[in-house]
Amino acid sequence: IVRDGTVVGFFQLDTRSVPGAPAAA
């Protein structure tokens, strides 16, 4: 996550979902 050229955040997307959540294509 970038605001005005400065890094201010981060996250990841996981194609397997996440533990405890439904998983599907």
mmCIF file of all heavy atoms, coordinates in Angstrom:
data_MODEL
# 
_entry.id   MODEL 
# 
loop_
_atom_site.group_PDB 
_atom_site.id 
_atom_site.type_symbol 
_atom_site.label_atom_id 
_atom_site.label_alt_id 
_atom_site.label_comp_id 
_atom_site.label_asym_id 
_atom_site.label_entity_id 
_atom_site.label_seq_id 
_atom_site.pdbx_PDB_ins_code 
_atom_site.Cartn_x 
_atom_site.Cartn_y 
_atom_site.Cartn_z 
_atom_site.occupancy 
_atom_site.B_iso_or_equiv 
_atom_site.pdbx_formal_charge 
_atom_site.auth_seq_id 
_atom_site.auth_comp_id 
_atom_site.auth_asym_id 
_atom_site.auth_atom_id 
_atom_site.pdbx_PDB_model_num 
ATOM 1   N N   . ILE A 1 1  ? 0.871   -1.178  0.000  1.00 0.00 ? 1  ILE A N   1 
ATOM 2   C CA  . ILE A 1 1  ? 0.000   0.000   0.000  1.00 0.00 ? 1  ILE A CA  1 
ATOM 3   C C   . ILE A 1 1  ? 0.909   1.229   0.000  1.00 0.00 ? 1  ILE A C   1 
ATOM 4   O O   . ILE A 1 1  ? 1.758   1.378   0.878  1.00 0.00 ? 1  ILE A O   1 
ATOM 5   C CB  . ILE A 1 1  ? -0.933  0.001   1.223  1.00 0.00 ? 1  ILE A CB  1 
ATOM 6   C CG1 . ILE A 1 1  ? -1.763  -1.290  1.264  1.00 0.00 ? 1  ILE A CG1 1 
ATOM 7   C CG2 . ILE A 1 1  ? -1.832  1.235   1.203  1.00 0.00 ? 1  ILE A CG2 1 
ATOM 8   C CD1 . ILE A 1 1  ? -2.505  -1.514  2.571  1.00 0.00 ? 1  ILE A CD1 1 
ATOM 9   N N   . VAL A 1 2  ? 0.716   2.078   -0.993 1.00 0.00 ? 2  VAL A N   1 
ATOM 10  C CA  . VAL A 1 2  ? 1.575   3.253   -1.178 1.00 0.00 ? 2  VAL A CA  1 
ATOM 11  C C   . VAL A 1 2  ? 0.701   4.506   -1.146 1.00 0.00 ? 2  VAL A C   1 
ATOM 12  O O   . VAL A 1 2  ? -0.339  4.556   -1.792 1.00 0.00 ? 2  VAL A O   1 
ATOM 13  C CB  . VAL A 1 2  ? 2.327   3.169   -2.528 1.00 0.00 ? 2  VAL A CB  1 
ATOM 14  C CG1 . VAL A 1 2  ? 3.211   4.374   -2.737 1.00 0.00 ? 2  VAL A CG1 1 
ATOM 15  C CG2 . VAL A 1 2  ? 3.123   1.873   -2.616 1.00 0.00 ? 2  VAL A CG2 1 
ATOM 16  N N   . ARG A 1 3  ? 1.147   5.490   -0.384 1.00 0.00 ? 3  ARG A N   1 
ATOM 17  C CA  . ARG A 1 3  ? 0.451   6.786   -0.378 1.00 0.00 ? 3  ARG A CA  1 
ATOM 18  C C   . ARG A 1 3  ? 1.443   7.855   -0.806 1.00 0.00 ? 3  ARG A C   1 
ATOM 19  O O   . ARG A 1 3  ? 2.485   8.040   -0.179 1.00 0.00 ? 3  ARG A O   1 
ATOM 20  C CB  . ARG A 1 3  ? -0.104  7.116   1.010  1.00 0.00 ? 3  ARG A CB  1 
ATOM 21  C CG  . ARG A 1 3  ? -0.801  8.479   1.033  1.00 0.00 ? 3  ARG A CG  1 
ATOM 22  C CD  . ARG A 1 3  ? -1.481  8.786   2.321  1.00 0.00 ? 3  ARG A CD  1 
ATOM 23  N NE  . ARG A 1 3  ? -0.508  8.849   3.408  1.00 0.00 ? 3  ARG A NE  1 
ATOM 24  C CZ  . ARG A 1 3  ? -0.836  9.033   4.675  1.00 0.00 ? 3  ARG A CZ  1 
ATOM 25  N NH1 . ARG A 1 3  ? -2.102  9.157   5.020  1.00 0.00 ? 3  ARG A NH1 1 
ATOM 26  N NH2 . ARG A 1 3  ? 0.095   9.079   5.593  1.00 0.00 ? 3  ARG A NH2 1 
ATOM 27  N N   . ASP A 1 4  ? 1.135   8.510   -1.892 1.00 0.00 ? 4  ASP A N   1 
ATOM 28  C CA  . ASP A 1 4  ? 2.001   9.579   -2.420 1.00 0.00 ? 4  ASP A CA  1 
ATOM 29  C C   . ASP A 1 4  ? 3.457   9.139   -2.528 1.00 0.00 ? 4  ASP A C   1 
ATOM 30  O O   . ASP A 1 4  ? 4.380   9.865   -2.153 1.00 0.00 ? 4  ASP A O   1 
ATOM 31  C CB  . ASP A 1 4  ? 1.895   10.834  -1.551 1.00 0.00 ? 4  ASP A CB  1 
ATOM 32  C CG  . ASP A 1 4  ? 0.521   11.475  -1.635 1.00 0.00 ? 4  ASP A CG  1 
ATOM 33  O OD1 . ASP A 1 4  ? -0.155  11.304  -2.666 1.00 0.00 ? 4  ASP A OD1 1 
ATOM 34  O OD2 . ASP A 1 4  ? 0.124   12.142  -0.664 1.00 0.00 ? 4  ASP A OD2 1 
ATOM 35  N N   . GLY A 1 5  ? 3.682   7.921   -3.009 1.00 0.00 ? 5  GLY A N   1 
ATOM 36  C CA  . GLY A 1 5  ? 5.030   7.427   -3.236 1.00 0.00 ? 5  GLY A CA  1 
ATOM 37  C C   . GLY A 1 5  ? 5.718   6.837   -2.025 1.00 0.00 ? 5  GLY A C   1 
ATOM 38  O O   . GLY A 1 5  ? 6.861   6.389   -2.130 1.00 0.00 ? 5  GLY A O   1 
ATOM 39  N N   . THR A 1 6  ? 5.043   6.804   -0.874 1.00 0.00 ? 6  THR A N   1 
ATOM 40  C CA  . THR A 1 6  ? 5.626   6.269   0.350  1.00 0.00 ? 6  THR A CA  1 
ATOM 41  C C   . THR A 1 6  ? 4.882   5.007   0.771  1.00 0.00 ? 6  THR A C   1 
ATOM 42  O O   . THR A 1 6  ? 3.642   4.998   0.812  1.00 0.00 ? 6  THR A O   1 
ATOM 43  C CB  . THR A 1 6  ? 5.547   7.305   1.496  1.00 0.00 ? 6  THR A CB  1 
ATOM 44  O OG1 . THR A 1 6  ? 6.253   8.476   1.090  1.00 0.00 ? 6  THR A OG1 1 
ATOM 45  C CG2 . THR A 1 6  ? 6.144   6.762   2.776  1.00 0.00 ? 6  THR A CG2 1 
ATOM 46  N N   . VAL A 1 7  ? 5.621   3.960   1.099  1.00 0.00 ? 7  VAL A N   1 
ATOM 47  C CA  . VAL A 1 7  ? 5.010   2.717   1.570  1.00 0.00 ? 7  VAL A CA  1 
ATOM 48  C C   . VAL A 1 7  ? 4.379   2.962   2.937  1.00 0.00 ? 7  VAL A C   1 
ATOM 49  O O   . VAL A 1 7  ? 5.048   3.446   3.852  1.00 0.00 ? 7  VAL A O   1 
ATOM 50  C CB  . VAL A 1 7  ? 6.062   1.590   1.659  1.00 0.00 ? 7  VAL A CB  1 
ATOM 51  C CG1 . VAL A 1 7  ? 5.466   0.347   2.310  1.00 0.00 ? 7  VAL A CG1 1 
ATOM 52  C CG2 . VAL A 1 7  ? 6.614   1.260   0.277  1.00 0.00 ? 7  VAL A CG2 1 
ATOM 53  N N   . VAL A 1 8  ? 3.095   2.646   3.053  1.00 0.00 ? 8  VAL A N   1 
ATOM 54  C CA  . VAL A 1 8  ? 2.383   2.831   4.321  1.00 0.00 ? 8  VAL A CA  1 
ATOM 55  C C   . VAL A 1 8  ? 1.671   1.567   4.780  1.00 0.00 ? 8  VAL A C   1 
ATOM 56  O O   . VAL A 1 8  ? 1.074   1.547   5.853  1.00 0.00 ? 8  VAL A O   1 
ATOM 57  C CB  . VAL A 1 8  ? 1.378   4.007   4.257  1.00 0.00 ? 8  VAL A CB  1 
ATOM 58  C CG1 . VAL A 1 8  ? 2.106   5.329   4.101  1.00 0.00 ? 8  VAL A CG1 1 
ATOM 59  C CG2 . VAL A 1 8  ? 0.373   3.806   3.137  1.00 0.00 ? 8  VAL A CG2 1 
ATOM 60  N N   . GLY A 1 9  ? 1.730   0.504   3.987  1.00 0.00 ? 9  GLY A N   1 
ATOM 61  C CA  . GLY A 1 9  ? 1.054   -0.724  4.392  1.00 0.00 ? 9  GLY A CA  1 
ATOM 62  C C   . GLY A 1 9  ? 1.407   -1.894  3.509  1.00 0.00 ? 9  GLY A C   1 
ATOM 63  O O   . GLY A 1 9  ? 2.121   -1.755  2.506  1.00 0.00 ? 9  GLY A O   1 
ATOM 64  N N   . PHE A 1 10 ? 0.878   -3.042  3.906  1.00 0.00 ? 10 PHE A N   1 
ATOM 65  C CA  . PHE A 1 10 ? 1.243   -4.306  3.260  1.00 0.00 ? 10 PHE A CA  1 
ATOM 66  C C   . PHE A 1 10 ? 0.157   -5.327  3.561  1.00 0.00 ? 10 PHE A C   1 
ATOM 67  O O   . PHE A 1 10 ? -0.455  -5.301  4.626  1.00 0.00 ? 10 PHE A O   1 
ATOM 68  C CB  . PHE A 1 10 ? 2.575   -4.780  3.853  1.00 0.00 ? 10 PHE A CB  1 
ATOM 69  C CG  . PHE A 1 10 ? 3.012   -6.150  3.414  1.00 0.00 ? 10 PHE A CG  1 
ATOM 70  C CD1 . PHE A 1 10 ? 3.641   -6.331  2.199  1.00 0.00 ? 10 PHE A CD1 1 
ATOM 71  C CD2 . PHE A 1 10 ? 2.824   -7.249  4.225  1.00 0.00 ? 10 PHE A CD2 1 
ATOM 72  C CE1 . PHE A 1 10 ? 4.061   -7.585  1.796  1.00 0.00 ? 10 PHE A CE1 1 
ATOM 73  C CE2 . PHE A 1 10 ? 3.233   -8.508  3.836  1.00 0.00 ? 10 PHE A CE2 1 
ATOM 74  C CZ  . PHE A 1 10 ? 3.859   -8.669  2.616  1.00 0.00 ? 10 PHE A CZ  1 
ATOM 75  N N   . PHE A 1 11 ? -0.077  -6.226  2.603  1.00 0.00 ? 11 PHE A N   1 
ATOM 76  C CA  . PHE A 1 11 ? -0.929  -7.398  2.845  1.00 0.00 ? 11 PHE A CA  1 
ATOM 77  C C   . PHE A 1 11 ? -0.597  -8.463  1.826  1.00 0.00 ? 11 PHE A C   1 
ATOM 78  O O   . PHE A 1 11 ? 0.164   -8.228  0.874  1.00 0.00 ? 11 PHE A O   1 
ATOM 79  C CB  . PHE A 1 11 ? -2.420  -7.044  2.839  1.00 0.00 ? 11 PHE A CB  1 
ATOM 80  C CG  . PHE A 1 11 ? -2.961  -6.536  1.525  1.00 0.00 ? 11 PHE A CG  1 
ATOM 81  C CD1 . PHE A 1 11 ? -3.489  -7.406  0.582  1.00 0.00 ? 11 PHE A CD1 1 
ATOM 82  C CD2 . PHE A 1 11 ? -2.967  -5.181  1.244  1.00 0.00 ? 11 PHE A CD2 1 
ATOM 83  C CE1 . PHE A 1 11 ? -4.010  -6.931  -0.616 1.00 0.00 ? 11 PHE A CE1 1 
ATOM 84  C CE2 . PHE A 1 11 ? -3.476  -4.689  0.055  1.00 0.00 ? 11 PHE A CE2 1 
ATOM 85  C CZ  . PHE A 1 11 ? -4.002  -5.577  -0.871 1.00 0.00 ? 11 PHE A CZ  1 
ATOM 86  N N   . GLN A 1 12 ? -1.163  -9.640  2.031  1.00 0.00 ? 12 GLN A N   1 
ATOM 87  C CA  . GLN A 1 12 ? -0.979  -10.730 1.084  1.00 0.00 ? 12 GLN A CA  1 
ATOM 88  C C   . GLN A 1 12 ? -2.335  -11.304 0.691  1.00 0.00 ? 12 GLN A C   1 
ATOM 89  O O   . GLN A 1 12 ? -3.255  -11.378 1.517  1.00 0.00 ? 12 GLN A O   1 
ATOM 90  C CB  . GLN A 1 12 ? -0.116  -11.841 1.690  1.00 0.00 ? 12 GLN A CB  1 
ATOM 91  C CG  . GLN A 1 12 ? 1.311   -11.423 1.885  1.00 0.00 ? 12 GLN A CG  1 
ATOM 92  C CD  . GLN A 1 12 ? 2.152   -12.496 2.539  1.00 0.00 ? 12 GLN A CD  1 
ATOM 93  O OE1 . GLN A 1 12 ? 1.661   -13.354 3.252  1.00 0.00 ? 12 GLN A OE1 1 
ATOM 94  N NE2 . GLN A 1 12 ? 3.440   -12.430 2.300  1.00 0.00 ? 12 GLN A NE2 1 
ATOM 95  N N   . LEU A 1 13 ? -2.431  -11.699 -0.558 1.00 0.00 ? 13 LEU A N   1 
ATOM 96  C CA  . LEU A 1 13 ? -3.575  -12.434 -1.064 1.00 0.00 ? 13 LEU A CA  1 
ATOM 97  C C   . LEU A 1 13 ? -3.162  -13.895 -1.154 1.00 0.00 ? 13 LEU A C   1 
ATOM 98  O O   . LEU A 1 13 ? -2.078  -14.208 -1.638 1.00 0.00 ? 13 LEU A O   1 
ATOM 99  C CB  . LEU A 1 13 ? -3.988  -11.907 -2.434 1.00 0.00 ? 13 LEU A CB  1 
ATOM 100 C CG  . LEU A 1 13 ? -4.388  -10.427 -2.462 1.00 0.00 ? 13 LEU A CG  1 
ATOM 101 C CD1 . LEU A 1 13 ? -4.637  -9.981  -3.897 1.00 0.00 ? 13 LEU A CD1 1 
ATOM 102 C CD2 . LEU A 1 13 ? -5.606  -10.187 -1.593 1.00 0.00 ? 13 LEU A CD2 1 
ATOM 103 N N   . ASP A 1 14 ? -4.023  -14.784 -0.665 1.00 0.00 ? 14 ASP A N   1 
ATOM 104 C CA  . ASP A 1 14 ? -3.710  -16.212 -0.623 1.00 0.00 ? 14 ASP A CA  1 
ATOM 105 C C   . ASP A 1 14 ? -4.765  -16.972 -1.419 1.00 0.00 ? 14 ASP A C   1 
ATOM 106 O O   . ASP A 1 14 ? -5.948  -16.954 -1.071 1.00 0.00 ? 14 ASP A O   1 
ATOM 107 C CB  . ASP A 1 14 ? -3.686  -16.692 0.828  1.00 0.00 ? 14 ASP A CB  1 
ATOM 108 C CG  . ASP A 1 14 ? -3.128  -18.087 0.993  1.00 0.00 ? 14 ASP A CG  1 
ATOM 109 O OD1 . ASP A 1 14 ? -3.276  -18.914 0.062  1.00 0.00 ? 14 ASP A OD1 1 
ATOM 110 O OD2 . ASP A 1 14 ? -2.565  -18.372 2.057  1.00 0.00 ? 14 ASP A OD2 1 
ATOM 111 N N   . THR A 1 15 ? -4.344  -17.624 -2.495 1.00 0.00 ? 15 THR A N   1 
ATOM 112 C CA  . THR A 1 15 ? -5.292  -18.338 -3.357 1.00 0.00 ? 15 THR A CA  1 
ATOM 113 C C   . THR A 1 15 ? -5.868  -19.583 -2.701 1.00 0.00 ? 15 THR A C   1 
ATOM 114 O O   . THR A 1 15 ? -6.802  -20.173 -3.234 1.00 0.00 ? 15 THR A O   1 
ATOM 115 C CB  . THR A 1 15 ? -4.640  -18.726 -4.700 1.00 0.00 ? 15 THR A CB  1 
ATOM 116 O OG1 . THR A 1 15 ? -3.508  -19.552 -4.445 1.00 0.00 ? 15 THR A OG1 1 
ATOM 117 C CG2 . THR A 1 15 ? -4.227  -17.487 -5.476 1.00 0.00 ? 15 THR A CG2 1 
ATOM 118 N N   . ARG A 1 16 ? -5.344  -19.969 -1.548 1.00 0.00 ? 16 ARG A N   1 
ATOM 119 C CA  . ARG A 1 16 ? -5.906  -21.113 -0.815 1.00 0.00 ? 16 ARG A CA  1 
ATOM 120 C C   . ARG A 1 16 ? -6.887  -20.677 0.255  1.00 0.00 ? 16 ARG A C   1 
ATOM 121 O O   . ARG A 1 16 ? -7.290  -21.491 1.080  1.00 0.00 ? 16 ARG A O   1 
ATOM 122 C CB  . ARG A 1 16 ? -4.796  -21.914 -0.147 1.00 0.00 ? 16 ARG A CB  1 
ATOM 123 C CG  . ARG A 1 16 ? -3.834  -22.551 -1.116 1.00 0.00 ? 16 ARG A CG  1 
ATOM 124 C CD  . ARG A 1 16 ? -2.677  -23.063 -0.345 1.00 0.00 ? 16 ARG A CD  1 
ATOM 125 N NE  . ARG A 1 16 ? -2.190  -21.954 0.506  1.00 0.00 ? 16 ARG A NE  1 
ATOM 126 C CZ  . ARG A 1 16 ? -0.931  -21.773 0.853  1.00 0.00 ? 16 ARG A CZ  1 
ATOM 127 N NH1 . ARG A 1 16 ? -0.023  -22.615 0.488  1.00 0.00 ? 16 ARG A NH1 1 
ATOM 128 N NH2 . ARG A 1 16 ? -0.584  -20.751 1.582  1.00 0.00 ? 16 ARG A NH2 1 
ATOM 129 N N   . SER A 1 17 ? -7.244  -19.404 0.292  1.00 0.00 ? 17 SER A N   1 
ATOM 130 C CA  . SER A 1 17 ? -8.076  -18.836 1.346  1.00 0.00 ? 17 SER A CA  1 
ATOM 131 C C   . SER A 1 17 ? -7.226  -18.659 2.593  1.00 0.00 ? 17 SER A C   1 
ATOM 132 O O   . SER A 1 17 ? -6.024  -18.408 2.486  1.00 0.00 ? 17 SER A O   1 
ATOM 133 C CB  . SER A 1 17 ? -9.317  -19.700 1.604  1.00 0.00 ? 17 SER A CB  1 
ATOM 134 O OG  . SER A 1 17 ? -10.188 -19.067 2.515  1.00 0.00 ? 17 SER A OG  1 
ATOM 135 N N   . VAL A 1 18 ? -7.818  -18.767 3.769  1.00 0.00 ? 18 VAL A N   1 
ATOM 136 C CA  . VAL A 1 18 ? -7.090  -18.655 5.039  1.00 0.00 ? 18 VAL A CA  1 
ATOM 137 C C   . VAL A 1 18 ? -7.670  -19.682 6.003  1.00 0.00 ? 18 VAL A C   1 
ATOM 138 O O   . VAL A 1 18 ? -8.810  -20.108 5.849  1.00 0.00 ? 18 VAL A O   1 
ATOM 139 C CB  . VAL A 1 18 ? -7.186  -17.232 5.643  1.00 0.00 ? 18 VAL A CB  1 
ATOM 140 C CG1 . VAL A 1 18 ? -6.445  -16.217 4.782  1.00 0.00 ? 18 VAL A CG1 1 
ATOM 141 C CG2 . VAL A 1 18 ? -8.617  -16.808 5.861  1.00 0.00 ? 18 VAL A CG2 1 
ATOM 142 N N   . PRO A 1 19 ? -6.900  -20.098 7.004  1.00 0.00 ? 19 PRO A N   1 
ATOM 143 C CA  . PRO A 1 19 ? -7.411  -21.085 7.959  1.00 0.00 ? 19 PRO A CA  1 
ATOM 144 C C   . PRO A 1 19 ? -8.732  -20.649 8.583  1.00 0.00 ? 19 PRO A C   1 
ATOM 145 O O   . PRO A 1 19 ? -8.905  -19.494 8.968  1.00 0.00 ? 19 PRO A O   1 
ATOM 146 C CB  . PRO A 1 19 ? -6.310  -21.160 9.021  1.00 0.00 ? 19 PRO A CB  1 
ATOM 147 C CG  . PRO A 1 19 ? -5.074  -20.741 8.301  1.00 0.00 ? 19 PRO A CG  1 
ATOM 148 C CD  . PRO A 1 19 ? -5.524  -19.696 7.317  1.00 0.00 ? 19 PRO A CD  1 
ATOM 149 N N   . GLY A 1 20 ? -9.671  -21.579 8.642  1.00 0.00 ? 20 GLY A N   1 
ATOM 150 C CA  . GLY A 1 20 ? -10.969 -21.308 9.238  1.00 0.00 ? 20 GLY A CA  1 
ATOM 151 C C   . GLY A 1 20 ? -11.985 -20.700 8.299  1.00 0.00 ? 20 GLY A C   1 
ATOM 152 O O   . GLY A 1 20 ? -13.139 -20.522 8.666  1.00 0.00 ? 20 GLY A O   1 
ATOM 153 N N   . ALA A 1 21 ? -11.582 -20.377 7.083  1.00 0.00 ? 21 ALA A N   1 
ATOM 154 C CA  . ALA A 1 21 ? -12.500 -19.787 6.110  1.00 0.00 ? 21 ALA A CA  1 
ATOM 155 C C   . ALA A 1 21 ? -12.754 -20.795 4.990  1.00 0.00 ? 21 ALA A C   1 
ATOM 156 O O   . ALA A 1 21 ? -11.958 -21.710 4.781  1.00 0.00 ? 21 ALA A O   1 
ATOM 157 C CB  . ALA A 1 21 ? -11.904 -18.510 5.530  1.00 0.00 ? 21 ALA A CB  1 
ATOM 158 N N   . PRO A 1 22 ? -13.856 -20.631 4.275  1.00 0.00 ? 22 PRO A N   1 
ATOM 159 C CA  . PRO A 1 22 ? -14.113 -21.528 3.150  1.00 0.00 ? 22 PRO A CA  1 
ATOM 160 C C   . PRO A 1 22 ? -12.990 -21.454 2.118  1.00 0.00 ? 22 PRO A C   1 
ATOM 161 O O   . PRO A 1 22 ? -12.341 -20.420 1.971  1.00 0.00 ? 22 PRO A O   1 
ATOM 162 C CB  . PRO A 1 22 ? -15.417 -20.990 2.545  1.00 0.00 ? 22 PRO A CB  1 
ATOM 163 C CG  . PRO A 1 22 ? -16.012 -20.112 3.594  1.00 0.00 ? 22 PRO A CG  1 
ATOM 164 C CD  . PRO A 1 22 ? -14.888 -19.615 4.442  1.00 0.00 ? 22 PRO A CD  1 
ATOM 165 N N   . ALA A 1 23 ? -12.766 -22.533 1.420  1.00 0.00 ? 23 ALA A N   1 
ATOM 166 C CA  . ALA A 1 23 ? -11.764 -22.564 0.352  1.00 0.00 ? 23 ALA A CA  1 
ATOM 167 C C   . ALA A 1 23 ? -12.424 -23.073 -0.917 1.00 0.00 ? 23 ALA A C   1 
ATOM 168 O O   . ALA A 1 23 ? -13.168 -24.042 -0.893 1.00 0.00 ? 23 ALA A O   1 
ATOM 169 C CB  . ALA A 1 23 ? -10.600 -23.464 0.735  1.00 0.00 ? 23 ALA A CB  1 
ATOM 170 N N   . ALA A 1 24 ? -12.177 -22.380 -2.004 1.00 0.00 ? 24 ALA A N   1 
ATOM 171 C CA  . ALA A 1 24 ? -12.684 -22.778 -3.311 1.00 0.00 ? 24 ALA A CA  1 
ATOM 172 C C   . ALA A 1 24 ? -11.877 -22.031 -4.360 1.00 0.00 ? 24 ALA A C   1 
ATOM 173 O O   . ALA A 1 24 ? -11.147 -21.081 -4.047 1.00 0.00 ? 24 ALA A O   1 
ATOM 174 C CB  . ALA A 1 24 ? -14.172 -22.439 -3.444 1.00 0.00 ? 24 ALA A CB  1 
ATOM 175 N N   . ALA A 1 25 ? -12.014 -22.450 -5.587 1.00 0.00 ? 25 ALA A N   1 
ATOM 176 C CA  . ALA A 1 25 ? -11.234 -21.845 -6.675 1.00 0.00 ? 25 ALA A CA  1 
ATOM 177 C C   . ALA A 1 25 ? -11.499 -20.346 -6.819 1.00 0.00 ? 25 ALA A C   1 
ATOM 178 O O   . ALA A 1 25 ? -10.630 -19.602 -7.264 1.00 0.00 ? 25 ALA A O   1 
ATOM 179 C CB  . ALA A 1 25 ? -11.529 -22.560 -7.986 1.00 0.00 ? 25 ALA A CB  1 
# 
